[in-house]
């Protein structure tokens, strides 16, 4: 198919304002999708911890980055940085007379002293919650400062692009796996998606394609870097390079999976006793790849490189244990909250994405402590490529788990 013929089938341009990088991706509609273009601008080290200055930097360079690739059209869908998004589970009174948004704003105002006029709020109603108080409804609230939304909108207008949608990174993450959960048999299957980012960890639990839980945890790659930096006596950039290099030592192309074929093996990693979800387990963690043929839960997954026991990080293992255990503790609390909402639904798998998922040993350790079968997903593996597409600062020969959110944005609905 000629490249020019693809433009009429182009999806909106997806733009993610991430901590480690500003990412732009465009695909064609199709099954599988075809790559049109992509671009990435790394965040300067000194701006990674300063959310305001980082966003200013990204907005200033956005137009140039968009011009660097042969993106089609002027419509775009953007993500709201997780660091700037309040994600809160609330219970509201079911009522025909009072809109849900009004009740959510009232609760936000009372709980966090939030001025309703200064925030943009969207929510997702969680269906199927088992509660004694049938008159109340569980909702997931996503709130962001109106000023921040306008900063992104103004940057897009300055680059002469039209924003047709804005979504939280959590929603984008869930949409990245719609192609996985498209069968009728997947409707009741619960997945835990963990986006291990540089500045935060995003958690999303879905039942089929429906989001039933979302949270941002403020433990992430930068905390691991600081732990290594303190022990080794180096700067954060060198600490990150050392840590990721260790994680890649045991990884290969087989440790990632095509997103349309990501499936987990139910086997040794299953919970078979009454120990808590965050208890350590000696069972192996399945981080293998799936073949092109889709495999259902319960089927073996080839390509597993073997389990990694605690301690394989050598002299850097000890400083990494504290932030890792803190992260696992936070995730475990999320799983317990989900269990209270849905006592009859067990989590069937954990899927790791995000830039920190390149450190396979970190993913294995988390999955082992959570006692869940798990895999790492490469969101770009299912995309058809010719090799001639403009891809600025993106190595398509290497797995790219950090592109899950921007991949999901390509399929997120228009909401502006």
Protein backbone atom coordinates (compact mmCIF):
# COMPACT_ATOMS: atom_id res chain seq x y z
CA UNK A 1 0.00 0.00 0.00
CA UNK A 2 1.44 3.37 -0.90
CA UNK A 3 2.26 5.70 1.99
CA UNK A 4 0.08 8.47 0.60
CA UNK A 5 -2.96 6.23 0.60
CA UNK A 6 -2.74 5.85 4.37
CA UNK A 7 -3.36 9.48 5.27
CA UNK A 8 -7.12 9.31 4.69
CA UNK A 9 -7.27 6.50 7.25
CA UNK A 10 -5.07 8.27 9.80
CA UNK A 11 -6.05 8.35 13.45
CA UNK A 12 -5.65 11.62 15.39
CA UNK A 13 -2.12 12.47 16.48
CA UNK A 14 -1.50 11.27 20.06
CA UNK A 15 0.62 13.45 22.35
CA UNK A 16 1.83 12.42 25.82
CA UNK A 17 3.40 14.98 28.17
CA UNK A 18 5.43 12.49 30.18
CA UNK A 19 8.05 13.06 32.86
CA UNK A 20 10.92 11.44 30.98
CA UNK A 21 9.87 12.59 27.52
CA UNK A 22 7.33 14.27 25.29
CA UNK A 23 6.03 11.56 22.95
CA UNK A 24 4.05 11.90 19.72
CA UNK A 25 2.59 8.98 17.76
CA UNK A 26 0.23 8.55 14.83
CA UNK A 27 -1.21 5.34 13.44
CA UNK A 28 -3.71 4.36 10.81
CA UNK A 29 -7.01 2.75 11.69
CA UNK A 30 -6.80 -0.92 10.87
CA UNK A 31 -6.13 -4.33 12.30
CA UNK A 32 -3.23 -4.35 12.77
CA UNK A 33 -2.59 -0.59 12.72
CA UNK A 34 0.13 0.87 10.52
CA UNK A 35 2.70 3.36 11.72
CA UNK A 36 2.60 6.83 10.16
CA UNK A 37 5.14 8.68 12.29
CA UNK A 38 6.47 9.12 15.79
CA UNK A 39 8.75 11.48 17.66
CA UNK A 40 10.22 11.80 21.14
CA UNK A 41 11.85 14.66 23.01
CA UNK A 42 13.72 13.67 26.17
CA UNK A 43 13.28 15.82 29.25
CA UNK A 44 16.47 17.51 30.49
CA UNK A 45 17.63 15.91 33.73
CA UNK A 46 17.24 19.11 35.75
CA UNK A 47 13.55 19.42 34.76
CA UNK A 48 12.36 15.91 35.60
CA UNK A 49 11.40 16.80 39.17
CA UNK A 50 10.00 20.25 38.36
CA UNK A 51 6.55 19.65 36.85
CA UNK A 52 5.87 23.29 36.00
CA UNK A 53 9.18 23.95 34.26
CA UNK A 54 9.04 20.61 32.49
CA UNK A 55 5.62 21.36 31.01
CA UNK A 56 6.82 24.82 29.96
CA UNK A 57 9.79 23.23 28.20
CA UNK A 58 7.57 20.68 26.44
CA UNK A 59 5.01 23.27 25.33
CA UNK A 60 7.78 25.47 23.92
CA UNK A 61 9.23 22.61 21.87
CA UNK A 62 5.94 20.98 20.87
CA UNK A 63 5.53 22.75 17.54
CA UNK A 64 9.06 21.93 16.40
CA UNK A 65 8.64 18.29 17.41
CA UNK A 66 5.41 17.98 15.43
CA UNK A 67 7.06 19.50 12.39
CA UNK A 68 9.93 17.02 12.62
CA UNK A 69 7.69 14.13 11.55
CA UNK A 70 5.37 13.65 8.61
CA UNK A 71 2.23 13.59 10.73
CA UNK A 72 -1.07 13.67 8.86
CA UNK A 73 -3.79 16.20 9.55
CA UNK A 74 -4.14 18.74 12.35
CA UNK A 75 -6.31 16.87 14.88
CA UNK A 76 -4.72 15.70 18.12
CA UNK A 77 -5.58 13.93 21.36
CA UNK A 78 -3.44 14.81 24.39
CA UNK A 79 -2.82 13.26 27.77
CA UNK A 80 -2.89 15.18 31.03
CA UNK A 81 0.32 14.52 33.02
CA UNK A 82 -0.36 12.08 35.86
CA UNK A 83 1.62 14.30 38.22
CA UNK A 84 -0.98 17.03 37.68
CA UNK A 85 -4.09 14.82 37.82
CA UNK A 86 -6.04 14.05 40.96
CA UNK A 87 -7.43 10.51 40.77
CA UNK A 88 -9.94 9.80 43.50
CA UNK A 89 -12.52 7.07 44.15
CA UNK A 90 -15.74 8.52 45.52
CA UNK A 91 -19.16 7.27 46.46
CA UNK A 92 -22.08 9.42 45.41
CA UNK A 93 -25.79 9.21 46.02
CA UNK A 94 -27.77 7.82 43.12
CA UNK A 95 -30.26 10.48 42.17
CA UNK A 96 -32.35 11.39 39.15
CA UNK A 97 -32.39 15.04 40.14
CA UNK A 98 -28.76 15.81 41.03
CA UNK A 99 -26.11 15.34 38.33
CA UNK A 100 -23.15 13.15 39.30
CA UNK A 101 -20.68 15.91 38.42
CA UNK A 102 -22.28 18.28 40.93
CA UNK A 103 -21.97 15.71 43.72
CA UNK A 104 -18.36 15.01 42.78
CA UNK A 105 -17.47 18.70 42.85
CA UNK A 106 -19.15 19.07 46.24
CA UNK A 107 -17.11 16.21 47.66
CA UNK A 108 -13.87 17.51 46.19
CA UNK A 109 -14.54 20.92 47.65
CA UNK A 110 -15.16 19.50 51.12
CA UNK A 111 -12.37 16.90 51.12
CA UNK A 112 -9.46 18.80 49.58
CA UNK A 113 -10.70 22.40 49.70
CA UNK A 114 -10.89 22.48 45.92
CA UNK A 115 -12.51 25.45 44.20
CA UNK A 116 -14.89 23.84 41.66
CA UNK A 117 -14.48 26.74 39.25
CA UNK A 118 -10.75 26.11 38.97
CA UNK A 119 -10.79 22.44 38.01
CA UNK A 120 -11.92 20.32 35.09
CA UNK A 121 -13.51 17.09 36.29
CA UNK A 122 -14.43 13.91 34.49
CA UNK A 123 -15.57 10.69 36.03
CA UNK A 124 -16.16 7.02 35.32
CA UNK A 125 -18.97 5.15 37.02
CA UNK A 126 -17.86 1.72 38.22
CA UNK A 127 -20.47 -0.90 37.36
CA UNK A 128 -21.12 -4.12 39.23
CA UNK A 129 -19.94 -2.98 42.68
CA UNK A 130 -21.30 -5.21 45.44
CA UNK A 131 -22.39 -2.88 48.22
CA UNK A 132 -24.91 -3.05 51.02
CA UNK A 133 -25.80 0.56 50.34
CA UNK A 134 -27.47 0.06 46.99
CA UNK A 135 -28.41 3.74 46.88
CA UNK A 136 -24.77 4.77 46.44
CA UNK A 137 -22.58 4.54 43.38
CA UNK A 138 -18.81 4.16 43.09
CA UNK A 139 -17.14 6.59 40.71
CA UNK A 140 -13.55 7.31 39.70
CA UNK A 141 -12.93 11.03 39.56
CA UNK A 142 -10.21 12.62 37.42
CA UNK A 143 -9.63 16.29 38.28
CA UNK A 144 -7.08 18.68 36.81
CA UNK A 145 -6.48 22.41 37.19
CA UNK A 146 -8.24 24.40 34.50
CA UNK A 147 -5.14 26.56 34.06
CA UNK A 148 -3.07 23.52 33.14
CA UNK A 149 -5.61 22.43 30.54
CA UNK A 150 -5.48 25.89 29.02
CA UNK A 151 -1.66 25.80 28.91
CA UNK A 152 -1.78 22.66 26.80
CA UNK A 153 -4.61 24.00 24.63
CA UNK A 154 -2.71 27.25 24.00
CA UNK A 155 0.46 25.34 23.11
CA UNK A 156 -1.49 23.27 20.60
CA UNK A 157 -3.13 26.34 19.11
CA UNK A 158 0.28 27.98 18.83
CA UNK A 159 1.47 24.97 16.85
CA UNK A 160 -1.71 25.28 14.72
CA UNK A 161 -3.23 21.98 15.81
CA UNK A 162 -6.78 21.26 16.96
CA UNK A 163 -7.28 19.35 20.20
CA UNK A 164 -10.26 17.02 19.94
CA UNK A 165 -9.67 15.08 23.13
CA UNK A 166 -7.83 15.20 26.46
CA UNK A 167 -7.54 12.18 28.74
CA UNK A 168 -5.76 11.11 31.88
CA UNK A 169 -2.84 8.74 31.43
CA UNK A 170 -4.88 6.08 33.23
CA UNK A 171 -7.62 6.13 30.60
CA UNK A 172 -5.01 6.08 27.83
CA UNK A 173 -3.34 3.07 29.45
CA UNK A 174 -6.57 1.09 29.52
CA UNK A 175 -7.33 1.92 25.88
CA UNK A 176 -3.92 0.53 24.87
CA UNK A 177 -5.19 -2.97 25.63
CA UNK A 178 -8.60 -2.85 23.98
CA UNK A 179 -7.29 -5.12 21.23
CA UNK A 180 -6.42 -7.71 23.87
CA UNK A 181 -9.82 -7.77 25.55
CA UNK A 182 -12.08 -7.71 22.53
CA UNK A 183 -13.53 -11.22 22.82
CA UNK A 184 -16.77 -11.94 24.64
CA UNK A 185 -14.89 -14.31 26.97
CA UNK A 186 -12.72 -11.41 28.14
CA UNK A 187 -15.62 -9.38 29.53
CA UNK A 188 -15.31 -10.83 33.03
CA UNK A 189 -11.51 -11.10 33.08
CA UNK A 190 -9.74 -8.71 35.48
CA UNK A 191 -6.33 -7.29 34.57
CA UNK A 192 -3.91 -5.19 36.58
CA UNK A 193 -1.97 -2.74 34.39
CA UNK A 194 1.10 -1.18 35.98
CA UNK A 195 2.68 1.76 34.19
CA UNK A 196 6.09 2.12 35.83
CA UNK A 197 7.08 5.65 34.91
CA UNK A 198 9.99 7.93 35.72
CA UNK A 199 7.97 10.25 37.97
CA UNK A 200 4.99 8.16 39.07
CA UNK A 201 3.45 4.70 38.84
CA UNK A 202 -0.02 4.51 37.33
CA UNK A 203 -2.32 1.66 38.32
CA UNK A 204 -5.39 0.65 36.35
CA UNK A 205 -7.61 -2.36 36.99
CA UNK A 206 -10.03 -3.35 34.28
CA UNK A 207 -12.79 -5.89 33.97
CA UNK A 208 -12.74 -6.63 30.28
CA UNK A 209 -12.38 -3.16 28.80
CA UNK A 210 -14.09 -1.33 31.66
CA UNK A 211 -11.94 0.61 34.14
CA UNK A 212 -12.91 -0.38 37.68
CA UNK A 213 -9.99 1.09 39.61
CA UNK A 214 -7.35 3.77 39.01
CA UNK A 215 -4.67 5.39 41.14
CA UNK A 216 -1.36 7.23 40.91
CA UNK A 217 1.42 6.16 43.26
CA UNK A 218 4.23 8.63 43.92
CA UNK A 219 6.93 5.96 43.91
CA UNK A 220 8.68 5.55 40.60
CA UNK A 221 11.93 5.35 38.68
CA UNK A 222 13.35 8.54 40.14
CA UNK A 223 13.13 7.04 43.63
CA UNK A 224 15.10 4.00 42.50
CA UNK A 225 17.67 6.29 40.88
CA UNK A 226 18.07 8.27 44.08
CA UNK A 227 18.58 5.07 46.07
CA UNK A 228 21.33 3.90 43.71
CA UNK A 229 22.86 7.37 43.52
CA UNK A 230 23.15 7.59 47.29
CA UNK A 231 24.97 4.27 47.59
CA UNK A 232 27.21 4.54 44.53
CA UNK A 233 27.91 8.24 44.85
CA UNK A 234 26.97 9.24 41.31
CA UNK A 235 24.44 11.59 39.74
CA UNK A 236 20.91 10.49 38.84
CA UNK A 237 21.67 10.07 35.15
CA UNK A 238 24.49 7.61 35.84
CA UNK A 239 22.44 5.84 38.51
CA UNK A 240 19.61 5.31 36.02
CA UNK A 241 21.99 4.04 33.36
CA UNK A 242 23.52 1.52 35.76
CA UNK A 243 20.16 0.29 36.99
CA UNK A 244 18.65 -0.14 33.54
CA UNK A 245 21.80 -1.80 32.26
CA UNK A 246 21.50 -4.41 35.01
CA UNK A 247 17.87 -4.98 34.13
CA UNK A 248 18.72 -5.47 30.48
CA UNK A 249 21.44 -8.00 31.19
CA UNK A 250 18.82 -10.72 31.56
CA UNK A 251 16.37 -9.37 29.02
CA UNK A 252 16.06 -10.06 25.33
CA UNK A 253 13.57 -9.55 22.54
CA UNK A 254 11.70 -12.56 23.95
CA UNK A 255 10.88 -10.84 27.24
CA UNK A 256 8.33 -8.54 25.61
CA UNK A 257 5.05 -9.46 24.04
CA UNK A 258 3.00 -8.31 21.12
CA UNK A 259 0.17 -6.32 22.52
CA UNK A 260 -2.49 -8.26 20.62
CA UNK A 261 -1.16 -11.51 22.01
CA UNK A 262 -0.32 -10.64 25.60
CA UNK A 263 -1.57 -13.47 27.77
CA UNK A 264 -0.51 -14.76 31.14
CA UNK A 265 0.26 -18.26 32.17
CA UNK A 266 -1.74 -19.65 35.04
CA UNK A 267 0.58 -21.98 36.84
CA UNK A 268 3.28 -21.83 39.44
CA UNK A 269 2.67 -18.17 40.23
CA UNK A 270 -0.97 -18.71 41.19
CA UNK A 271 -1.88 -18.02 44.80
CA UNK A 272 -2.60 -21.39 46.37
CA UNK A 273 -2.82 -20.52 50.07
CA UNK A 274 -4.17 -17.88 52.38
CA UNK A 275 -1.09 -15.68 52.53
CA UNK A 276 -1.66 -11.99 51.74
CA UNK A 277 -1.17 -10.67 48.22
CA UNK A 278 2.03 -8.85 49.19
CA UNK A 279 3.67 -11.90 50.74
CA UNK A 280 6.86 -13.12 49.12
CA UNK A 281 6.64 -16.28 47.08
CA UNK A 282 9.22 -18.76 45.90
CA UNK A 283 7.17 -19.54 42.80
CA UNK A 284 8.54 -18.49 39.46
CA UNK A 285 7.34 -15.37 37.73
CA UNK A 286 6.35 -15.77 34.11
CA UNK A 287 7.79 -12.91 32.05
CA UNK A 288 7.81 -14.80 28.81
CA UNK A 289 6.68 -13.68 25.39
CA UNK A 290 3.57 -14.84 23.60
CA UNK A 291 3.60 -16.11 20.07
CA UNK A 292 1.69 -14.46 17.24
CA UNK A 293 -1.20 -16.80 17.91
CA UNK A 294 -3.36 -15.44 20.71
CA UNK A 295 -3.17 -17.64 23.79
CA UNK A 296 -5.94 -17.89 26.34
CA UNK A 297 -5.34 -17.82 30.07
CA UNK A 298 -4.26 -21.29 31.13
CA UNK A 299 -2.23 -21.97 28.01
CA UNK A 300 1.55 -22.14 28.23
CA UNK A 301 3.54 -19.15 27.12
CA UNK A 302 6.83 -19.89 25.34
CA UNK A 303 10.00 -17.85 25.59
CA UNK A 304 10.22 -17.52 29.40
CA UNK A 305 13.78 -16.61 30.35
CA UNK A 306 13.55 -17.95 33.89
CA UNK A 307 12.73 -16.54 37.31
CA UNK A 308 15.04 -14.08 39.05
CA UNK A 309 15.43 -14.47 42.78
CA UNK A 310 15.91 -11.51 45.10
CA UNK A 311 19.56 -10.67 45.36
CA UNK A 312 20.47 -10.88 41.68
CA UNK A 313 21.11 -7.14 41.60
CA UNK A 314 24.32 -7.74 43.52
CA UNK A 315 25.59 -4.85 45.64
CA UNK A 316 22.74 -2.60 44.44
CA UNK A 317 20.02 -4.94 45.63
CA UNK A 318 19.78 -3.58 49.18
CA UNK A 319 19.18 0.11 48.35
CA UNK A 320 16.50 -0.83 45.81
CA UNK A 321 14.55 -2.97 48.24
CA UNK A 322 13.06 -0.08 50.26
CA UNK A 323 11.45 1.85 47.34
CA UNK A 324 10.39 -1.40 45.69
CA UNK A 325 8.74 -2.68 48.85
CA UNK A 326 7.02 0.68 49.33
CA UNK A 327 5.67 0.46 45.78
CA UNK A 328 4.46 -3.10 46.30
CA UNK A 329 2.78 -2.09 49.57
CA UNK A 330 0.86 0.67 47.76
CA UNK A 331 -0.16 -1.69 44.95
CA UNK A 332 -1.31 -4.27 47.51
CA UNK A 333 -3.58 -1.69 49.14
CA UNK A 334 -5.12 -1.01 45.74
CA UNK A 335 -5.74 -4.71 45.24
CA UNK A 336 -7.39 -4.97 48.64
CA UNK A 337 -9.66 -2.02 47.81
CA UNK A 338 -10.63 -3.73 44.56
CA UNK A 339 -11.31 -6.94 46.48
CA UNK A 340 -13.72 -5.07 48.75
CA UNK A 341 -15.54 -3.69 45.73
CA UNK A 342 -15.59 -7.02 43.89
CA UNK A 343 -15.17 -9.91 46.36
CA UNK A 344 -16.06 -12.44 43.66
CA UNK A 345 -13.53 -11.17 41.10
CA UNK A 346 -9.89 -12.16 41.32
CA UNK A 347 -7.14 -10.42 39.39
CA UNK A 348 -6.01 -12.72 36.61
CA UNK A 349 -2.78 -11.08 35.53
CA UNK A 350 -0.42 -8.15 35.92
CA UNK A 351 0.85 -6.41 32.79
CA UNK A 352 3.86 -4.11 33.07
CA UNK A 353 4.44 -1.12 30.80
CA UNK A 354 6.20 2.23 31.16
CA UNK A 355 9.81 3.19 30.70
CA UNK A 356 10.87 1.51 33.96
CA UNK A 357 9.49 -1.81 32.70
CA UNK A 358 12.66 -2.04 30.63
CA UNK A 359 14.23 -3.22 33.87
CA UNK A 360 12.91 -6.75 33.70
CA UNK A 361 14.25 -7.72 37.11
CA UNK A 362 12.22 -4.93 38.75
CA UNK A 363 9.05 -6.25 37.11
CA UNK A 364 9.85 -9.79 38.20
CA UNK A 365 10.41 -8.70 41.78
CA UNK A 366 7.12 -6.77 41.94
CA UNK A 367 5.15 -9.62 40.38
CA UNK A 368 6.75 -12.11 42.73
CA UNK A 369 5.84 -10.07 45.80
CA UNK A 370 2.29 -9.56 44.51
CA UNK A 371 2.08 -13.26 43.67
CA UNK A 372 0.50 -12.64 40.29
CA UNK A 373 1.32 -14.08 36.87
CA UNK A 374 2.79 -11.24 34.86
CA UNK A 375 4.19 -10.12 31.55
CA UNK A 376 5.82 -7.04 30.05
CA UNK A 377 4.06 -5.55 27.04
CA UNK A 378 5.61 -3.76 24.08
CA UNK A 379 2.78 -1.60 22.68
CA UNK A 380 4.49 -0.95 19.36
CA UNK A 381 5.18 -4.61 18.59
CA UNK A 382 1.77 -5.09 16.96
CA UNK A 383 2.15 -2.06 14.68
CA UNK A 384 2.89 -2.71 11.03
CA UNK A 385 6.02 -0.87 9.87
CA UNK A 386 7.86 -0.48 6.58
CA UNK A 387 11.06 0.87 8.09
CA UNK A 388 10.76 4.14 6.18
CA UNK A 389 8.48 5.97 8.62
CA UNK A 390 9.89 9.10 10.28
CA UNK A 391 10.65 8.14 13.88
CA UNK A 392 12.64 10.79 15.72
CA UNK A 393 14.62 9.51 18.72
CA UNK A 394 12.76 6.19 18.84
CA UNK A 395 14.55 2.86 18.37
CA UNK A 396 11.99 0.48 16.91
CA UNK A 397 14.48 -2.38 17.05
CA UNK A 398 14.27 -2.31 20.84
CA UNK A 399 11.17 -3.03 22.96
CA UNK A 400 9.24 0.13 23.84
CA UNK A 401 7.06 -0.52 26.92
CA UNK A 402 7.13 3.20 27.65
CA UNK A 403 4.89 3.93 24.67
CA UNK A 404 1.75 2.26 26.09
CA UNK A 405 -0.07 5.44 27.12
CA UNK A 406 0.54 7.31 23.88
CA UNK A 407 -0.43 4.17 21.95
CA UNK A 408 -3.70 4.05 23.89
CA UNK A 409 -4.30 7.76 23.20
CA UNK A 410 -4.46 6.92 19.50
CA UNK A 411 -7.68 5.01 20.25
CA UNK A 412 -9.11 7.25 22.97
CA UNK A 413 -12.46 8.87 22.11
CA UNK A 414 -12.99 12.49 21.19
CA UNK A 415 -14.26 14.42 24.21
CA UNK A 416 -13.74 18.07 23.33
